Amino acid sequence: MLQLKRMSISGIAVLINILSFLWHYIVPLLAVILLVRLAFKMWYHYVSEDFITGLDWVLLEMKVPREVSKTPLAMELFFTNALYQKGYKGIWETWWQGAVRLWFSLEMVSIGGQVHFFIRTPSRIKNLVESQLYAQFPGAEIDEVKDYPPEILNPKTGPWNAWGCEYTLEKEESIPIRTYVDYGLDKADVEEQYKVDPLTPTIEFLGSLEPGEQVWIQILVRIADREYHKRGAWFGHIDWIERAYEFMEEIMKPYTRYHVGLAKGHEGEIAQEVRLPDHLRDNIESIKRKISKPGFDCGIRTVYIAKKNVFTKTRYRDMRLIFRQFSNPDNNSFKRISSTQFDYPWADPLGVSDKVIRARIVERYRMRMMFYPKLRYSFKYPFPINFFFPSHEPHPFIMNSEELATIFHFPGRVSETPTFERIESRTSKPPFNLPT
């Protein structure tokens, strides 16, 4: 009995020593690691915001002739040649100068029913963007214009009201949406009256707005730069293509069988056999097609803003459907997130959060904020703050050049929207090197 008591006391002493060691050494070490990581994060946000503030931007409006004979493949080539800005940012540039990968904003806008196509680009790449647009659309007219969302459009204090949301993908981002190739628009020999352009419903909706109403559709893009944690490993990161291969392996795993070879000369060899159902085989092929083309980090944001005397819920209900034609039940589709409306009436009984959120989405649109958000927008607020004041942190996702060209391209004569401004002929500037 005495021996048991001694063993018990000895065990308690050992436990106390272990806890003391953890408290005096391990906990401070973990605290230091956490503080260092937080300090690096704060520093990175500081220097990157300083770098971004120093960037000069230009807004280009693009007008195309009435006779557009190019397929969306032309826009896909433009994205690959002009927007696929791949450059290595070293440790010095990233952590001291705050250098980030450049991004662009593709925008379809309706102001009182007048439809416009814009692209916002860093001024240092303006010439490249213009030259590549002219290369694919020789008859286009490109003008540098002032930004269209002025400061007066403040739904929090001004005479305007706003509704907005963002979009992300419904399923794994390596699964593609329905693209222009699925609609047969990759075939140049199809007559115009037989074409089915999935962007036409969107253009028609934009052209149906009344004076005092505006709809902004913003597609923010940069070269795919995000990393993912490698599954089954403590450390290590992979890119979006390797992530897609992991996802395909997960799909095929339940239908994979292994056999030990018994034939002469192949004794002991392990053979792999995969028997996929037809619909899964099609899914695998579509994923392979997606990763075979350049990938872009993307973020989609839409805003409906109108004077309070003409603001109507019918418009933003229609806006929920403007990307429905890109859905593929067997593959992927868009879903709405970060909406400015609340799902429950008790979430904002006084209407205070609603005003803040509506003003915030207009601010994010104006600043073209997605990949490098301000620190206060870069994380999810803890409960219950997030219930009453949702942070709506950005959710970028991957699309390849084909998918991007599907949701942003110049429709041909198949779109007869009268308020979609076009030009009859190209008006180009003379070459800069002409003798004078």
Protein backbone atom coordinates (compact mmCIF):
# COMPACT_ATOMS: atom_id res chain seq x y z
CA MET A 1 0.00 0.00 0.00
CA LEU A 2 2.81 2.34 0.94
CA GLN A 3 4.56 1.50 -2.31
CA LEU A 4 1.43 2.42 -4.29
CA LYS A 5 1.25 5.78 -2.54
CA ARG A 6 4.89 6.45 -3.32
CA MET A 7 4.33 5.58 -6.98
CA SER A 8 1.28 7.87 -7.06
CA ILE A 9 3.20 10.73 -5.55
CA SER A 10 6.07 10.10 -7.93
CA GLY A 11 3.69 10.12 -10.90
CA ILE A 12 2.15 13.41 -9.81
CA ALA A 13 5.61 14.90 -9.42
CA VAL A 14 6.56 13.82 -12.94
CA LEU A 15 3.33 15.33 -14.32
CA ILE A 16 4.01 18.58 -12.50
CA ASN A 17 7.54 18.67 -13.93
CA ILE A 18 6.19 18.10 -17.46
CA LEU A 19 3.58 20.84 -17.09
CA SER A 20 6.20 23.16 -15.65
CA PHE A 21 8.50 22.48 -18.60
CA LEU A 22 5.68 23.13 -21.06
CA TRP A 23 4.68 26.34 -19.34
CA HIS A 24 8.19 27.77 -18.97
CA TYR A 25 9.67 26.70 -22.32
CA ILE A 26 7.19 25.39 -24.88
CA VAL A 27 4.40 27.97 -24.36
CA PRO A 28 6.79 30.96 -24.62
CA LEU A 29 8.37 29.41 -27.72
CA LEU A 30 4.95 29.00 -29.36
CA ALA A 31 4.04 32.55 -28.37
CA VAL A 32 7.24 33.88 -29.96
CA ILE A 33 6.56 31.91 -33.17
CA LEU A 34 3.00 33.25 -33.28
CA LEU A 35 4.13 36.83 -32.70
CA VAL A 36 6.85 36.56 -35.35
CA ARG A 37 4.36 35.19 -37.85
CA LEU A 38 1.90 37.96 -37.02
CA ALA A 39 4.68 40.56 -37.36
CA PHE A 40 5.62 39.22 -40.79
CA LYS A 41 1.98 39.32 -41.87
CA MET A 42 1.56 42.90 -40.65
CA TRP A 43 4.80 43.96 -42.33
CA TYR A 44 3.81 42.32 -45.61
CA HIS A 45 0.45 44.09 -45.59
CA TYR A 46 2.16 47.39 -44.85
CA VAL A 47 4.78 47.22 -47.62
CA SER A 48 2.40 45.70 -50.19
CA GLU A 49 -0.23 48.40 -49.57
CA ASP A 50 2.49 51.00 -49.96
CA PHE A 51 3.55 49.40 -53.26
CA ILE A 52 -0.04 49.20 -54.52
CA THR A 53 -0.69 52.83 -53.59
CA GLY A 54 2.23 53.83 -55.80
CA LEU A 55 0.84 52.11 -58.89
CA ASP A 56 -0.63 54.25 -61.66
CA TRP A 57 -3.74 52.94 -63.41
CA VAL A 58 -5.57 53.74 -66.63
CA LEU A 59 -9.11 52.83 -67.66
CA LEU A 60 -9.52 51.88 -71.31
CA GLU A 61 -12.87 51.75 -73.05
CA MET A 62 -13.10 49.29 -75.95
CA LYS A 63 -15.50 49.71 -78.85
CA VAL A 64 -15.72 47.21 -81.68
CA PRO A 65 -17.18 47.44 -85.18
CA ARG A 66 -20.71 46.28 -85.81
CA GLU A 67 -19.35 43.38 -87.86
CA VAL A 68 -17.30 41.31 -85.42
CA SER A 69 -16.28 38.11 -87.18
CA LYS A 70 -13.87 36.93 -84.48
CA THR A 71 -14.76 34.05 -82.17
CA PRO A 72 -14.10 34.26 -78.40
CA LEU A 73 -10.81 32.55 -79.17
CA ALA A 74 -9.49 36.00 -80.16
CA MET A 75 -10.23 37.30 -76.66
CA GLU A 76 -8.66 34.17 -75.20
CA LEU A 77 -5.45 34.88 -77.08
CA PHE A 78 -5.54 38.48 -75.83
CA PHE A 79 -5.77 37.26 -72.23
CA THR A 80 -2.86 34.88 -72.75
CA ASN A 81 -0.60 37.42 -74.48
CA ALA A 82 -1.40 40.57 -72.49
CA LEU A 83 -2.71 39.61 -69.05
CA TYR A 84 -0.68 36.49 -68.31
CA GLN A 85 2.00 38.50 -66.52
CA LYS A 86 4.32 35.86 -65.15
CA GLY A 87 7.30 37.19 -63.29
CA TYR A 88 9.27 35.96 -60.28
CA LYS A 89 9.18 38.26 -57.29
CA GLY A 90 12.29 37.68 -55.21
CA ILE A 91 12.60 37.90 -51.44
CA TRP A 92 13.88 41.48 -51.59
CA GLU A 93 11.12 42.67 -53.90
CA THR A 94 8.37 40.88 -51.97
CA TRP A 95 9.31 41.49 -48.35
CA TRP A 96 11.06 44.85 -48.56
CA GLN A 97 9.63 46.65 -51.58
CA GLY A 98 6.19 45.04 -51.25
CA ALA A 99 6.04 44.05 -54.92
CA VAL A 100 2.96 42.06 -55.93
CA ARG A 101 1.84 40.42 -59.12
CA LEU A 102 -0.07 42.89 -61.26
CA TRP A 103 -3.78 42.40 -61.80
CA PHE A 104 -6.39 43.69 -64.21
CA SER A 105 -10.09 44.49 -64.11
CA LEU A 106 -12.40 43.48 -66.96
CA GLU A 107 -15.67 45.36 -66.70
CA MET A 108 -19.05 45.34 -68.45
CA VAL A 109 -21.04 48.38 -67.40
CA SER A 110 -24.48 49.77 -68.12
CA ILE A 111 -25.11 53.43 -67.33
CA GLY A 112 -28.76 54.20 -67.95
CA GLY A 113 -28.94 51.36 -70.47
CA GLN A 114 -25.79 52.34 -72.41
CA VAL A 115 -23.46 49.31 -72.46
CA HIS A 116 -19.70 49.78 -72.19
CA PHE A 117 -16.68 47.46 -72.11
CA PHE A 118 -13.72 48.58 -70.01
CA ILE A 119 -10.38 47.20 -68.95
CA ARG A 120 -8.41 48.73 -66.10
CA THR A 121 -4.69 48.13 -66.33
CA PRO A 122 -1.49 49.41 -64.75
CA SER A 123 -0.19 52.28 -66.85
CA ARG A 124 3.16 50.53 -67.32
CA ILE A 125 1.40 47.81 -69.37
CA LYS A 126 -1.00 50.09 -71.25
CA ASN A 127 0.91 49.88 -74.55
CA LEU A 128 1.06 46.09 -74.40
CA VAL A 129 -2.67 45.84 -73.69
CA GLU A 130 -3.55 48.18 -76.55
CA SER A 131 -1.25 46.49 -79.05
CA GLN A 132 -2.60 43.03 -78.23
CA LEU A 133 -6.20 44.25 -78.49
CA TYR A 134 -5.48 45.75 -81.91
CA ALA A 135 -3.73 42.52 -82.91
CA GLN A 136 -6.89 40.49 -82.24
CA PHE A 137 -9.46 43.18 -83.14
CA PRO A 138 -7.94 45.37 -85.87
CA GLY A 139 -11.14 47.41 -86.22
CA ALA A 140 -11.47 48.25 -82.53
CA GLU A 141 -11.35 51.70 -81.02
CA ILE A 142 -9.59 52.06 -77.66
CA ASP A 143 -9.84 55.26 -75.64
CA GLU A 144 -8.48 56.21 -72.25
CA VAL A 145 -11.40 57.48 -70.17
CA LYS A 146 -12.10 58.73 -66.67
CA ASP A 147 -13.26 56.30 -64.02
CA TYR A 148 -17.05 55.98 -64.03
CA PRO A 149 -17.84 55.25 -60.33
CA PRO A 150 -17.28 58.80 -58.93
CA GLU A 151 -17.17 59.59 -55.25
CA ILE A 152 -20.74 60.95 -55.26
CA LEU A 153 -22.09 57.40 -55.65
CA ASN A 154 -22.17 56.77 -51.93
CA PRO A 155 -25.18 54.60 -50.99
CA LYS A 156 -24.55 55.31 -47.30
CA THR A 157 -25.18 59.07 -47.35
CA GLY A 158 -26.08 60.13 -50.89
CA PRO A 159 -29.29 59.93 -52.94
CA TRP A 160 -28.30 56.51 -54.24
CA ASN A 161 -29.17 52.99 -53.20
CA ALA A 162 -27.09 49.92 -54.02
CA TRP A 163 -27.15 46.16 -54.02
CA GLY A 164 -24.18 43.95 -54.78
CA CYS A 165 -22.64 40.53 -54.40
CA GLU A 166 -19.66 38.45 -55.41
CA TYR A 167 -19.48 35.06 -57.08
CA THR A 168 -17.42 31.94 -56.66
CA LEU A 169 -17.52 28.42 -58.08
CA GLU A 170 -20.05 25.89 -56.83
CA LYS A 171 -17.64 22.93 -56.91
CA GLU A 172 -13.91 22.22 -56.93
CA GLU A 173 -12.24 24.99 -58.94
CA SER A 174 -10.42 22.55 -61.20
CA ILE A 175 -13.83 21.61 -62.68
CA PRO A 176 -14.70 23.95 -65.58
CA ILE A 177 -17.91 25.85 -66.26
CA ARG A 178 -19.78 25.66 -69.58
CA THR A 179 -17.57 27.50 -72.08
CA TYR A 180 -17.94 28.96 -75.55
CA VAL A 181 -16.49 25.72 -76.95
CA ASP A 182 -19.47 23.84 -75.48
CA TYR A 183 -21.74 26.32 -77.28
CA GLY A 184 -19.94 25.73 -80.59
CA LEU A 185 -18.55 29.28 -80.81
CA ASP A 186 -15.06 28.00 -81.54
CA LYS A 187 -16.15 27.25 -85.11
CA ALA A 188 -15.60 30.27 -87.34
CA ASP A 189 -17.57 28.86 -90.28
CA VAL A 190 -20.94 29.01 -88.49
CA GLU A 191 -23.22 31.72 -89.88
CA GLU A 192 -24.10 34.54 -87.50
CA GLN A 193 -27.82 33.77 -87.35
CA TYR A 194 -27.09 30.22 -86.18
CA LYS A 195 -24.72 31.18 -83.35
CA VAL A 196 -25.76 30.90 -79.71
CA ASP A 197 -23.67 33.32 -77.66
CA PRO A 198 -24.06 32.80 -73.89
CA LEU A 199 -23.08 36.43 -73.25
CA THR A 200 -26.07 37.79 -75.20
CA PRO A 201 -28.58 37.53 -72.27
CA THR A 202 -26.19 39.54 -70.10
CA ILE A 203 -25.82 42.26 -72.75
CA GLU A 204 -29.58 42.39 -73.25
CA PHE A 205 -30.11 42.80 -69.50
CA LEU A 206 -27.56 45.61 -69.33
CA GLY A 207 -29.26 47.34 -72.24
CA SER A 208 -32.66 47.23 -70.55
CA LEU A 209 -31.81 49.64 -67.71
CA GLU A 210 -33.64 52.92 -67.32
CA PRO A 211 -32.09 56.39 -66.82
CA GLY A 212 -30.82 56.72 -63.26
CA GLU A 213 -29.89 53.02 -63.04
CA GLN A 214 -26.43 51.51 -63.33
CA VAL A 215 -25.10 47.94 -63.28
CA TRP A 216 -21.41 47.20 -62.91
CA ILE A 217 -19.93 43.76 -63.62
CA GLN A 218 -16.30 43.42 -62.57
CA ILE A 219 -13.98 40.49 -63.31
CA LEU A 220 -10.61 40.85 -61.58
CA VAL A 221 -7.80 38.69 -62.96
CA ARG A 222 -4.13 37.95 -62.42
CA ILE A 223 -1.91 35.01 -63.25
CA ALA A 224 -2.71 32.00 -61.03
CA ASP A 225 -0.42 32.54 -58.07
CA ARG A 226 -2.06 30.82 -55.11
CA GLU A 227 -0.58 27.79 -53.37
CA TYR A 228 -2.39 24.90 -51.73
CA HIS A 229 -1.38 22.63 -48.89
CA LYS A 230 -0.25 19.25 -50.13
CA ARG A 231 -2.60 16.60 -48.84
CA GLY A 232 -1.09 13.93 -46.64
CA ALA A 233 1.99 16.00 -45.81
CA TRP A 234 2.91 18.22 -42.88
CA PHE A 235 4.74 20.68 -45.10
CA GLY A 236 4.87 21.41 -48.80
CA HIS A 237 2.70 23.36 -51.17
CA ILE A 238 1.45 22.71 -54.69
CA ASP A 239 0.01 24.86 -57.47
CA TRP A 240 -3.47 24.65 -58.95
CA ILE A 241 -2.46 22.12 -61.65
CA GLU A 242 -1.01 19.67 -59.12
CA ARG A 243 -4.14 20.23 -57.03
CA ALA A 244 -6.23 19.23 -60.06
CA TYR A 245 -4.26 16.00 -60.46
CA GLU A 246 -4.85 15.20 -56.79
CA PHE A 247 -8.56 15.78 -57.31
CA MET A 248 -8.63 13.49 -60.36
CA GLU A 249 -6.90 10.77 -58.35
CA GLU A 250 -9.61 11.09 -55.69
CA ILE A 251 -12.29 10.65 -58.36
CA MET A 252 -10.63 7.57 -59.85
CA LYS A 253 -9.63 5.92 -56.55
CA PRO A 254 -12.93 4.04 -55.89
CA TYR A 255 -12.83 2.65 -59.46
CA THR A 256 -9.17 1.60 -59.44
CA ARG A 257 -8.10 -2.03 -59.06
CA TYR A 258 -4.62 -3.51 -58.80
CA HIS A 259 -3.67 -6.95 -60.14
CA VAL A 260 -0.51 -8.97 -59.68
CA GLY A 261 0.84 -10.19 -63.00
CA LEU A 262 0.93 -13.97 -63.50
CA ALA A 263 1.89 -14.14 -67.17
CA LYS A 264 5.30 -15.45 -68.11
CA GLY A 265 7.89 -12.73 -67.91
CA HIS A 266 5.58 -10.49 -65.89
CA GLU A 267 5.37 -12.44 -62.65
CA GLY A 268 4.94 -10.23 -59.63
CA GLU A 269 4.33 -7.05 -61.59
CA ILE A 270 1.41 -4.94 -60.37
CA ALA A 271 -0.98 -3.75 -63.06
CA GLN A 272 -3.45 -0.89 -62.53
CA GLU A 273 -6.94 -0.98 -63.98
CA VAL A 274 -9.36 1.98 -63.88
CA ARG A 275 -12.99 1.51 -64.88
CA LEU A 276 -14.76 4.84 -64.70
CA PRO A 277 -18.45 5.40 -65.45
CA ASP A 278 -19.03 7.44 -68.61
CA HIS A 279 -20.07 10.62 -66.80
CA LEU A 280 -16.95 10.57 -64.61
CA ARG A 281 -14.78 9.90 -67.64
CA ASP A 282 -16.22 13.04 -69.22
CA ASN A 283 -15.50 14.98 -66.02
CA ILE A 284 -11.88 13.85 -66.05
CA GLU A 285 -11.49 14.90 -69.68
CA SER A 286 -12.98 18.34 -68.95
CA ILE A 287 -10.57 18.84 -66.04
CA LYS A 288 -7.65 17.86 -68.26
CA ARG A 289 -8.85 20.38 -70.84
CA LYS A 290 -9.01 23.10 -68.19
CA ILE A 291 -5.48 22.59 -66.88
CA SER A 292 -4.09 22.46 -70.43
CA LYS A 293 -4.59 26.25 -70.75
CA PRO A 294 -3.18 29.20 -68.78
CA GLY A 295 -4.88 29.70 -65.42
CA PHE A 296 -5.90 32.96 -63.78
CA ASP A 297 -6.89 33.88 -60.26
CA CYS A 298 -10.30 35.50 -60.69
CA GLY A 299 -12.83 37.38 -58.64
CA ILE A 300 -16.27 38.42 -59.86
CA ARG A 301 -18.27 41.26 -58.32
CA THR A 302 -21.55 42.82 -59.47
CA VAL A 303 -23.22 46.01 -58.26
CA TYR A 304 -26.63 47.50 -59.02
CA ILE A 305 -26.79 51.16 -58.07
CA ALA A 306 -29.64 53.56 -58.76
CA LYS A 307 -31.23 56.70 -57.47
CA LYS A 308 -33.54 55.92 -54.59
CA ASN A 309 -36.65 57.01 -56.51
CA VAL A 310 -36.00 54.45 -59.29
CA PHE A 311 -34.27 51.69 -57.31
CA THR A 312 -36.18 48.42 -57.69
CA LYS A 313 -35.66 44.95 -56.27
CA THR A 314 -36.56 43.45 -59.65
CA ARG A 315 -33.20 44.46 -61.04
CA TYR A 316 -31.02 42.74 -58.50
CA ARG A 317 -33.25 39.69 -58.63
CA ASP A 318 -32.47 39.56 -62.35
CA MET A 319 -28.78 40.03 -61.61
CA ARG A 320 -28.74 36.75 -59.72
CA LEU A 321 -29.34 34.98 -63.04
CA ILE A 322 -26.86 36.75 -65.31
CA PHE A 323 -24.34 33.87 -65.05
CA ARG A 324 -26.86 31.02 -65.14
CA GLN A 325 -26.09 30.23 -68.80
CA PHE A 326 -22.53 29.26 -67.88
CA SER A 327 -23.69 26.50 -65.55
CA ASN A 328 -23.12 22.85 -66.33
CA PRO A 329 -24.85 20.40 -63.97
CA ASP A 330 -22.23 17.75 -64.69
CA ASN A 331 -19.35 20.15 -64.16
CA ASN A 332 -19.35 23.54 -62.47
CA SER A 333 -21.36 26.72 -62.05
CA PHE A 334 -21.27 30.07 -60.29
CA LYS A 335 -22.86 30.69 -56.92
CA ARG A 336 -23.61 33.99 -55.22
CA ILE A 337 -21.72 34.95 -52.04
CA SER A 338 -21.08 38.07 -49.94
CA SER A 339 -24.44 39.60 -50.78
CA THR A 340 -25.39 42.96 -49.31
CA GLN A 341 -28.72 41.60 -48.13
CA PHE A 342 -29.25 39.66 -44.91
CA ASP A 343 -30.83 36.21 -44.81
CA TYR A 344 -32.59 36.84 -41.49
CA PRO A 345 -34.50 39.98 -40.44
CA TRP A 346 -33.11 39.84 -36.90
CA ALA A 347 -29.52 39.98 -38.21
CA ASP A 348 -29.86 43.73 -38.82
CA PRO A 349 -33.00 44.98 -37.04
CA LEU A 350 -31.95 48.66 -37.14
CA GLY A 351 -30.63 48.67 -40.72
CA VAL A 352 -27.20 49.92 -39.65
CA SER A 353 -25.13 47.02 -40.99
CA ASP A 354 -26.97 47.13 -44.31
CA LYS A 355 -25.78 50.68 -45.00
CA VAL A 356 -22.21 49.81 -44.04
CA ILE A 357 -22.10 46.70 -46.24
CA ARG A 358 -23.62 48.47 -49.26
CA ALA A 359 -21.11 51.31 -48.99
CA ARG A 360 -18.29 48.79 -48.55
CA ILE A 361 -19.02 46.82 -51.75
CA VAL A 362 -19.09 50.08 -53.74
CA GLU A 363 -15.74 51.01 -52.19
CA ARG A 364 -14.24 47.61 -53.03
CA TYR A 365 -15.51 47.90 -56.59
CA ARG A 366 -14.07 51.39 -56.99
CA MET A 367 -10.71 50.24 -55.58
CA ARG A 368 -10.76 46.97 -57.61
CA MET A 369 -9.93 45.13 -54.41
CA MET A 370 -9.70 41.32 -54.45
CA PHE A 371 -6.26 39.72 -54.32
CA TYR A 372 -4.57 42.15 -51.93
CA PRO A 373 -7.32 43.34 -49.56
CA LYS A 374 -6.75 45.75 -46.75
CA LEU A 375 -5.85 44.04 -43.48
CA ARG A 376 -9.31 44.56 -41.95
CA TYR A 377 -10.90 42.72 -44.90
CA SER A 378 -8.42 39.84 -45.14
CA PHE A 379 -9.86 37.58 -42.44
CA LYS A 380 -13.22 36.41 -41.16
CA TYR A 381 -14.49 38.27 -38.12
CA PRO A 382 -15.15 36.15 -35.02
CA PHE A 383 -18.67 35.30 -33.90
CA PRO A 384 -20.92 37.14 -33.04
CA ILE A 385 -19.37 40.16 -34.80
CA ASN A 386 -19.45 38.37 -38.14
CA PHE A 387 -23.17 37.65 -37.70
CA PHE A 388 -24.11 41.33 -37.48
CA PHE A 389 -21.21 42.84 -39.45
CA PRO A 390 -20.04 40.13 -41.89
CA SER A 391 -16.48 40.63 -43.06
CA HIS A 392 -17.13 39.26 -46.56
CA GLU A 393 -13.47 38.42 -47.04
CA PRO A 394 -12.51 37.91 -50.73
CA HIS A 395 -12.87 34.46 -52.30
CA PRO A 396 -10.82 34.32 -55.53
CA PHE A 397 -10.91 31.18 -57.63
CA ILE A 398 -9.21 29.69 -60.69
CA MET A 399 -10.45 30.01 -64.26
CA ASN A 400 -8.47 29.29 -67.38
CA SER A 401 -8.27 31.52 -70.45
CA GLU A 402 -11.11 29.67 -72.19
CA GLU A 403 -13.51 30.18 -69.30
CA LEU A 404 -12.46 33.80 -68.95
CA ALA A 405 -13.08 34.49 -72.64
CA THR A 406 -16.51 32.89 -72.29
CA ILE A 407 -17.75 35.41 -69.72
CA PHE A 408 -15.97 38.43 -71.25
CA HIS A 409 -15.81 38.88 -75.01
CA PHE A 410 -17.29 41.05 -77.73
CA PRO A 411 -20.51 39.51 -79.08
CA GLY A 412 -21.02 39.62 -82.82
CA ARG A 413 -24.16 40.53 -84.74
CA VAL A 414 -25.96 37.80 -82.82
CA SER A 415 -26.42 40.49 -80.13
CA GLU A 416 -28.69 43.21 -81.50
CA THR A 417 -28.89 45.29 -78.33
CA PRO A 418 -29.36 48.87 -79.66
CA THR A 419 -27.73 50.48 -76.62
CA PHE A 420 -24.54 48.45 -77.04
CA GLU A 421 -22.37 51.15 -78.58
CA ARG A 422 -20.31 50.08 -81.57
CA ILE A 423 -18.33 51.86 -84.27
CA GLU A 424 -18.76 51.78 -88.01
CA SER A 425 -15.02 51.85 -88.77
CA ARG A 426 -11.74 52.07 -86.96
CA THR A 427 -10.31 55.51 -86.20
CA SER A 428 -6.66 54.94 -85.40
CA LYS A 429 -3.88 57.33 -84.54
CA PRO A 430 -0.93 57.71 -86.96
CA PRO A 431 2.29 55.88 -86.14
CA PHE A 432 4.46 57.79 -83.68
CA ASN A 433 7.55 57.56 -85.91
CA LEU A 434 6.14 59.37 -88.97
CA PRO A 435 8.39 62.24 -90.10
CA THR A 436 6.99 65.74 -89.51
